[in-house]
């Protein structure tokens, strides 16, 4: 049995999963990509029910791999200073009704934990669908905190392709701790369990009535928030959410194009970003030979898809004639990007993206170059 520590960063979690590789078969790269999008989404939509400070801090926490406790300690004084901690008044954008809500550690933990859980349940579902088990077993944590509806589903056993799981594959609500287990018919009999003849009524809350392994409703959440946001700041919010939705679409496309480079049989290159490191604004190109280089096989398509963010974020840049070396931190890891300026053209080639174990040592090495 595998236990996930959701206080860890996605990078730490995936590293943990890789240690379990003989038992797992899903695409870790895909999980990282999904986790990044999920955290990005959470950071953006929280502006609608908290404020932009949470948005920015969550994205920073994701980028730097901060655990929940550190993130909460840093954001709490900011929220207290601006009056967004404890009992506050919130206006329902649809009904204009004023409600008193409580903003505290529980609310923040919900945002931080549950959305990460969704990202990883997607990988869990894919792994289970690839297994020999034919049946899904709904397992609730049967204690005093278990919701009545979730308690009723405990022990439900249905074929894993049954439509019931399209809405009730976990999680089925905020902070849902339920899990889906997979068994063969022989394993069920050995445990004295019998498959259910009739599917029980769906208990998933409105925003959770979907299967994260078959569908990612991030874009639907964005569209709903954009269409229903009202009030004095709605225009700015809508524009920001539209920009964020556009980012997700572009990043999805880039990620898929990069994955195709890994499978390319003939040399192929694509544009992944732009940069003005060498004066004029130039295209940054990625070559299939670069991603397929066995000497750098630990770098995934997901990490290459983050290069545009890396080039625009905080970084140390070292120039050496027509070469540029960039040192930065991303998702709790250290990276070095090597770029080559193509003279008499509007192109820059990404020569190498690599992880760096000793940031300070690499910084000193690069400092001698430029």
Protein backbone atom coordinates (compact mmCIF):
# COMPACT_ATOMS: atom_id res chain seq x y z
CA UNK A 1 0.00 0.00 0.00
CA UNK A 2 1.24 3.49 -0.87
CA UNK A 3 0.58 6.52 1.31
CA UNK A 4 0.85 9.98 -0.22
CA UNK A 5 2.15 12.89 1.83
CA UNK A 6 0.36 15.85 0.24
CA UNK A 7 2.47 18.31 2.21
CA UNK A 8 5.30 17.43 -0.14
CA UNK A 9 5.87 19.11 -3.49
CA UNK A 10 4.81 17.30 -6.71
CA UNK A 11 8.47 16.72 -7.50
CA UNK A 12 9.02 14.97 -4.16
CA UNK A 13 5.87 12.91 -4.62
CA UNK A 14 6.81 11.78 -8.10
CA UNK A 15 10.32 10.91 -6.90
CA UNK A 16 8.65 8.79 -4.21
CA UNK A 17 6.45 7.11 -6.81
CA UNK A 18 9.48 6.39 -8.96
CA UNK A 19 10.98 4.50 -6.03
CA UNK A 20 7.89 2.25 -6.25
CA UNK A 21 8.35 1.78 -9.99
CA UNK A 22 8.09 -2.05 -10.02
CA UNK A 23 4.54 -1.74 -8.61
CA UNK A 24 3.34 1.14 -10.80
CA UNK A 25 2.82 1.52 -14.53
CA UNK A 26 1.47 4.99 -15.21
CA UNK A 27 3.22 7.93 -16.82
CA UNK A 28 4.99 9.97 -14.12
CA UNK A 29 5.62 12.72 -16.65
CA UNK A 30 1.86 12.97 -17.29
CA UNK A 31 1.19 13.16 -13.55
CA UNK A 32 3.68 15.97 -13.10
CA UNK A 33 2.11 17.88 -15.99
CA UNK A 34 -1.37 17.40 -14.53
CA UNK A 35 -0.25 18.33 -11.02
CA UNK A 36 1.34 21.54 -12.29
CA UNK A 37 -1.85 22.52 -14.14
CA UNK A 38 -3.95 21.67 -11.10
CA UNK A 39 -1.87 23.80 -8.76
CA UNK A 40 -1.83 26.62 -11.31
CA UNK A 41 -5.63 26.47 -11.48
CA UNK A 42 -6.06 26.50 -7.71
CA UNK A 43 -3.78 29.50 -7.46
CA UNK A 44 -5.85 31.40 -9.99
CA UNK A 45 -9.42 30.62 -8.94
CA UNK A 46 -8.79 31.32 -5.27
CA UNK A 47 -8.73 35.00 -6.20
CA UNK A 48 -12.51 34.75 -6.50
CA UNK A 49 -13.10 33.64 -2.92
CA UNK A 50 -9.97 34.87 -1.13
CA UNK A 51 -7.64 37.35 -2.83
CA UNK A 52 -4.74 37.70 -5.20
CA UNK A 53 -2.12 37.31 -2.46
CA UNK A 54 -3.11 33.66 -2.06
CA UNK A 55 -2.92 33.20 -5.81
CA UNK A 56 0.63 34.52 -6.01
CA UNK A 57 1.82 32.68 -2.92
CA UNK A 58 0.43 29.35 -4.10
CA UNK A 59 2.16 29.64 -7.45
CA UNK A 60 5.42 30.51 -5.66
CA UNK A 61 4.94 27.55 -3.32
CA UNK A 62 4.45 25.30 -6.33
CA UNK A 63 7.48 26.68 -8.16
CA UNK A 64 9.74 26.40 -5.12
CA UNK A 65 8.33 23.14 -3.74
CA UNK A 66 7.27 24.62 -0.40
CA UNK A 67 5.34 22.34 1.98
CA UNK A 68 1.93 23.42 3.22
CA UNK A 69 3.04 24.53 6.70
CA UNK A 70 5.70 26.88 5.32
CA UNK A 71 3.23 28.32 2.81
CA UNK A 72 0.60 28.90 5.51
CA UNK A 73 3.10 30.59 7.84
CA UNK A 74 4.10 33.00 5.07
CA UNK A 75 0.59 33.85 3.83
CA UNK A 76 -1.19 34.12 7.19
CA UNK A 77 0.28 37.52 8.29
CA UNK A 78 -0.51 38.98 4.85
CA UNK A 79 -4.14 37.87 5.11
CA UNK A 80 -4.42 39.15 8.68
CA UNK A 81 -3.02 42.55 7.70
CA UNK A 82 -5.59 42.92 4.91
CA UNK A 83 -8.51 41.72 7.01
CA UNK A 84 -8.88 38.38 5.24
CA UNK A 85 -8.50 36.12 8.24
CA UNK A 86 -11.16 34.88 10.64
CA UNK A 87 -14.80 35.96 10.25
CA UNK A 88 -15.34 38.08 7.12
CA UNK A 89 -18.28 39.16 4.96
CA UNK A 90 -18.51 37.78 1.43
CA UNK A 91 -21.03 38.70 -1.29
CA UNK A 92 -22.61 35.92 -3.34
CA UNK A 93 -22.04 37.09 -6.97
CA UNK A 94 -25.29 35.48 -8.14
CA UNK A 95 -27.76 36.41 -5.38
CA UNK A 96 -25.94 39.48 -3.94
CA UNK A 97 -26.55 37.92 -0.54
CA UNK A 98 -23.98 38.81 2.12
CA UNK A 99 -22.69 35.85 4.06
CA UNK A 100 -20.25 35.50 6.92
CA UNK A 101 -17.50 33.02 6.10
CA UNK A 102 -14.48 31.95 8.05
CA UNK A 103 -11.07 32.14 6.42
CA UNK A 104 -8.54 30.12 8.36
CA UNK A 105 -6.11 27.25 8.25
CA UNK A 106 -8.82 24.68 7.48
CA UNK A 107 -9.97 26.59 4.40
CA UNK A 108 -6.43 27.03 3.14
CA UNK A 109 -5.62 23.37 3.79
CA UNK A 110 -8.68 22.40 1.75
CA UNK A 111 -7.41 24.36 -1.23
CA UNK A 112 -3.84 23.15 -0.92
CA UNK A 113 -4.59 19.47 -0.26
CA UNK A 114 -7.69 18.46 -2.15
CA UNK A 115 -6.71 19.78 -5.55
CA UNK A 116 -3.34 18.04 -5.37
CA UNK A 117 -5.16 14.85 -4.42
CA UNK A 118 -7.23 15.09 -7.60
CA UNK A 119 -4.09 15.31 -9.71
CA UNK A 120 -2.65 12.13 -8.24
CA UNK A 121 -5.92 10.20 -8.30
CA UNK A 122 -5.78 10.58 -12.06
CA UNK A 123 -2.58 8.54 -12.11
CA UNK A 124 -4.04 6.06 -9.63
CA UNK A 125 -7.05 5.48 -11.89
CA UNK A 126 -4.89 4.89 -14.95
CA UNK A 127 -2.77 2.42 -13.01
CA UNK A 128 -5.84 0.54 -11.84
CA UNK A 129 -7.32 0.40 -15.33
CA UNK A 130 -4.08 -1.18 -16.56
CA UNK A 131 -4.18 -3.82 -13.82
CA UNK A 132 -5.72 -7.29 -14.04
CA UNK A 133 -8.45 -6.40 -11.54
CA UNK A 134 -11.96 -6.28 -12.98
CA UNK A 135 -13.76 -4.65 -10.06
CA UNK A 136 -13.58 -1.36 -8.15
CA UNK A 137 -14.25 -1.37 -4.41
CA UNK A 138 -15.31 1.89 -2.72
CA UNK A 139 -13.43 2.27 0.55
CA UNK A 140 -14.42 5.07 2.94
CA UNK A 141 -12.57 5.98 6.13
CA UNK A 142 -15.18 4.76 8.59
CA UNK A 143 -14.68 7.18 11.47
CA UNK A 144 -16.59 10.07 13.06
CA UNK A 145 -15.50 12.48 10.29
CA UNK A 146 -16.86 10.37 7.43
CA UNK A 147 -19.79 12.02 5.65
CA UNK A 148 -23.05 9.99 5.68
CA UNK A 149 -23.21 9.73 1.88
CA UNK A 150 -19.63 8.49 1.67
CA UNK A 151 -20.30 6.03 4.49
CA UNK A 152 -23.22 4.56 2.52
CA UNK A 153 -20.97 3.87 -0.47
CA UNK A 154 -18.42 1.98 1.61
CA UNK A 155 -18.20 -1.58 0.29
CA UNK A 156 -19.78 -0.83 -3.08
CA UNK A 157 -18.31 -3.25 -5.64
CA UNK A 158 -18.93 -2.76 -9.35
CA UNK A 159 -17.13 -3.57 -12.60
CA UNK A 160 -14.47 -0.92 -13.10
CA UNK A 161 -15.99 0.16 -16.41
CA UNK A 162 -19.44 0.70 -14.82
CA UNK A 163 -20.88 4.18 -15.54
CA UNK A 164 -21.26 4.70 -11.78
CA UNK A 165 -17.55 5.46 -11.51
CA UNK A 166 -17.81 8.29 -14.05
CA UNK A 167 -19.25 10.43 -11.24
CA UNK A 168 -18.20 8.65 -8.06
CA UNK A 169 -14.52 7.84 -8.52
CA UNK A 170 -12.84 9.61 -5.62
CA UNK A 171 -12.50 12.30 -4.42
CA UNK A 172 -16.19 13.14 -4.20
CA UNK A 173 -15.92 16.41 -2.29
CA UNK A 174 -13.55 18.76 -0.53
CA UNK A 175 -11.20 16.81 1.75
CA UNK A 176 -12.73 13.52 0.69
CA UNK A 177 -10.49 10.76 2.09
CA UNK A 178 -12.20 7.85 0.33
CA UNK A 179 -10.23 5.56 -1.94
CA UNK A 180 -11.05 3.19 -4.77
CA UNK A 181 -9.38 -0.21 -4.64
CA UNK A 182 -9.17 -2.67 -7.52
CA UNK A 183 -9.66 -6.44 -7.19
CA UNK A 184 -9.96 -9.48 -9.42
CA UNK A 185 -13.00 -11.72 -8.94
CA UNK A 186 -10.76 -14.30 -7.26
CA UNK A 187 -9.45 -11.71 -4.81
CA UNK A 188 -13.02 -10.67 -3.95
CA UNK A 189 -14.02 -14.29 -3.27
CA UNK A 190 -10.94 -14.81 -1.10
CA UNK A 191 -12.06 -11.83 1.02
CA UNK A 192 -15.65 -13.01 1.19
CA UNK A 193 -16.85 -10.07 -0.94
CA UNK A 194 -19.61 -10.12 -3.55
CA UNK A 195 -20.04 -7.64 -6.43
CA UNK A 196 -23.05 -5.34 -6.20
CA UNK A 197 -26.02 -6.02 -8.48
CA UNK A 198 -27.34 -2.45 -8.53
CA UNK A 199 -25.37 0.78 -8.42
CA UNK A 200 -26.25 3.04 -5.45
CA UNK A 201 -27.32 6.69 -5.97
CA UNK A 202 -24.51 9.12 -6.79
CA UNK A 203 -23.20 11.04 -3.77
CA UNK A 204 -20.55 13.22 -5.44
CA UNK A 205 -20.86 16.94 -4.75
CA UNK A 206 -21.64 19.12 -7.78
CA UNK A 207 -18.07 20.23 -8.49
CA UNK A 208 -16.73 16.69 -7.94
CA UNK A 209 -19.15 14.64 -10.02
CA UNK A 210 -16.55 13.49 -12.53
CA UNK A 211 -13.79 10.91 -12.82
CA UNK A 212 -10.35 12.61 -12.65
CA UNK A 213 -8.82 9.70 -14.54
CA UNK A 214 -11.13 10.12 -17.54
CA UNK A 215 -11.68 13.86 -17.49
CA UNK A 216 -9.87 16.90 -16.18
CA UNK A 217 -12.45 19.64 -15.52
CA UNK A 218 -9.91 22.44 -15.05
CA UNK A 219 -11.04 24.29 -18.15
CA UNK A 220 -14.71 23.90 -17.20
CA UNK A 221 -13.97 25.41 -13.78
CA UNK A 222 -12.28 28.36 -15.46
CA UNK A 223 -15.17 28.96 -17.83
CA UNK A 224 -17.69 28.79 -15.01
CA UNK A 225 -15.71 31.28 -12.92
CA UNK A 226 -15.30 33.64 -15.86
CA UNK A 227 -18.98 33.55 -16.77
CA UNK A 228 -20.28 34.01 -13.22
CA UNK A 229 -17.85 36.51 -11.73
CA UNK A 230 -19.51 39.87 -11.05
CA UNK A 231 -18.88 42.98 -9.00
CA UNK A 232 -16.41 45.88 -9.14
CA UNK A 233 -13.37 43.69 -9.83
CA UNK A 234 -15.11 41.22 -12.15
CA UNK A 235 -13.61 42.75 -15.31
CA UNK A 236 -10.04 42.33 -14.06
CA UNK A 237 -10.80 38.86 -12.73
CA UNK A 238 -12.36 37.75 -16.01
CA UNK A 239 -9.39 38.99 -18.00
CA UNK A 240 -6.94 37.26 -15.69
CA UNK A 241 -8.86 34.00 -15.82
CA UNK A 242 -9.10 34.20 -19.60
CA UNK A 243 -5.34 34.73 -19.74
CA UNK A 244 -4.85 31.75 -17.44
CA UNK A 245 -7.12 29.56 -19.56
CA UNK A 246 -5.15 30.60 -22.63
CA UNK A 247 -1.91 29.69 -20.82
CA UNK A 248 -3.24 26.20 -20.05
CA UNK A 249 -4.24 25.64 -23.67
CA UNK A 250 -0.86 26.80 -24.96
CA UNK A 251 1.03 24.75 -22.39
CA UNK A 252 -1.01 21.64 -23.24
CA UNK A 253 -0.15 22.09 -26.91
CA UNK A 254 3.54 22.68 -26.18
CA UNK A 255 3.68 19.64 -23.89
CA UNK A 256 2.18 17.39 -26.59
CA UNK A 257 4.55 18.74 -29.24
CA UNK A 258 7.54 18.09 -27.00
CA UNK A 259 6.38 14.55 -26.28
CA UNK A 260 6.28 14.01 -30.05
CA UNK A 261 9.94 15.05 -30.21
CA UNK A 262 10.80 12.15 -27.92
CA UNK A 263 9.26 9.74 -30.43
CA UNK A 264 10.50 11.43 -33.61
CA UNK A 265 12.50 9.09 -35.89
CA UNK A 266 13.92 11.90 -38.00
CA UNK A 267 15.51 15.10 -36.74
CA UNK A 268 12.82 17.63 -35.92
CA UNK A 269 12.77 20.98 -34.13
CA UNK A 270 9.99 23.14 -32.74
CA UNK A 271 9.68 26.64 -31.32
CA UNK A 272 9.06 26.53 -27.57
CA UNK A 273 9.57 30.13 -26.46
CA UNK A 274 11.32 33.42 -27.24
CA UNK A 275 14.12 35.37 -25.61
CA UNK A 276 16.05 38.62 -25.92
CA UNK A 277 19.18 37.31 -24.18
CA UNK A 278 21.26 38.04 -27.26
CA UNK A 279 19.82 41.46 -27.97
CA UNK A 280 16.92 41.15 -30.40
CA UNK A 281 13.91 39.05 -29.52
CA UNK A 282 14.52 35.59 -31.01
CA UNK A 283 12.76 32.22 -31.22
CA UNK A 284 14.00 29.51 -28.86
CA UNK A 285 14.10 26.16 -30.68
CA UNK A 286 14.15 22.65 -29.22
CA UNK A 287 15.58 19.78 -31.27
CA UNK A 288 14.51 16.12 -31.14
CA UNK A 289 18.19 15.13 -30.86
CA UNK A 290 18.41 17.16 -27.65
CA UNK A 291 15.48 15.49 -25.91
CA UNK A 292 16.56 12.03 -27.07
CA UNK A 293 20.15 12.43 -25.85
CA UNK A 294 20.75 9.44 -23.56
CA UNK A 295 23.18 11.51 -21.49
CA UNK A 296 20.26 13.67 -20.40
CA UNK A 297 17.48 11.08 -20.27
CA UNK A 298 16.25 12.08 -16.79
CA UNK A 299 14.70 15.31 -18.13
CA UNK A 300 11.03 14.80 -19.05
CA UNK A 301 8.71 16.42 -21.58
CA UNK A 302 6.97 18.11 -18.66
CA UNK A 303 10.21 19.80 -17.60
CA UNK A 304 10.96 20.95 -21.15
CA UNK A 305 7.45 22.43 -21.30
CA UNK A 306 8.33 24.65 -18.33
CA UNK A 307 11.23 26.32 -20.19
CA UNK A 308 9.08 29.34 -21.19
CA UNK A 309 8.33 29.92 -17.50
CA UNK A 310 11.97 29.36 -16.61
CA UNK A 311 13.15 31.97 -19.13
CA UNK A 312 10.69 34.57 -17.82
CA UNK A 313 11.09 33.88 -14.09
CA UNK A 314 13.86 34.58 -11.58
CA UNK A 315 17.18 33.26 -12.81
CA UNK A 316 20.94 33.79 -12.99
CA UNK A 317 22.22 34.40 -16.52
CA UNK A 318 25.82 33.93 -17.65
CA UNK A 319 26.84 35.00 -21.17
CA UNK A 320 29.90 33.60 -22.92
CA UNK A 321 30.19 34.93 -26.50
CA UNK A 322 27.37 33.22 -28.41
CA UNK A 323 26.40 30.95 -25.53
CA UNK A 324 24.14 31.62 -22.55
CA UNK A 325 23.94 29.54 -19.39
CA UNK A 326 20.98 29.99 -17.07
CA UNK A 327 20.79 28.76 -13.49
CA UNK A 328 17.44 28.68 -11.68
CA UNK A 329 15.20 26.92 -9.20
CA UNK A 330 11.87 25.41 -10.27
CA UNK A 331 9.46 23.05 -8.51
CA UNK A 332 11.94 22.49 -5.71
CA UNK A 333 14.77 21.51 -8.10
CA UNK A 334 17.82 23.26 -9.52
CA UNK A 335 18.15 23.53 -13.29
CA UNK A 336 20.74 24.69 -15.79
CA UNK A 337 19.74 25.76 -19.31
CA UNK A 338 22.35 25.99 -22.06
CA UNK A 339 21.45 28.15 -25.09
CA UNK A 340 23.34 28.87 -28.29
CA UNK A 341 22.79 31.99 -30.39
CA UNK A 342 22.45 31.21 -34.12
CA UNK A 343 24.20 34.10 -35.82
CA UNK A 344 22.61 35.87 -38.79
CA UNK A 345 19.19 34.45 -37.90
CA UNK A 346 16.31 35.07 -35.49
CA UNK A 347 16.84 31.75 -33.71
CA UNK A 348 18.35 30.48 -30.48
CA UNK A 349 18.89 26.77 -29.93
CA UNK A 350 18.27 25.09 -26.58
CA UNK A 351 21.37 22.91 -26.33
CA UNK A 352 20.67 21.32 -22.99
CA UNK A 353 18.34 21.32 -19.98
CA UNK A 354 19.72 19.52 -16.97
CA UNK A 355 19.09 19.16 -13.26
CA UNK A 356 21.83 20.41 -10.94
CA UNK A 357 22.55 18.80 -7.59
CA UNK A 358 24.86 21.46 -6.12
CA UNK A 359 23.48 24.92 -6.96
CA UNK A 360 26.29 26.88 -5.25
CA UNK A 361 29.02 24.85 -6.90
CA UNK A 362 27.47 25.31 -10.34
CA UNK A 363 27.02 29.02 -9.65
CA UNK A 364 30.74 29.38 -8.93
CA UNK A 365 31.65 27.43 -12.07
CA UNK A 366 29.49 29.62 -14.27
CA UNK A 367 30.70 32.81 -12.62
CA UNK A 368 34.14 32.19 -14.08
CA UNK A 369 32.66 32.17 -17.61
CA UNK A 370 30.72 35.43 -17.61
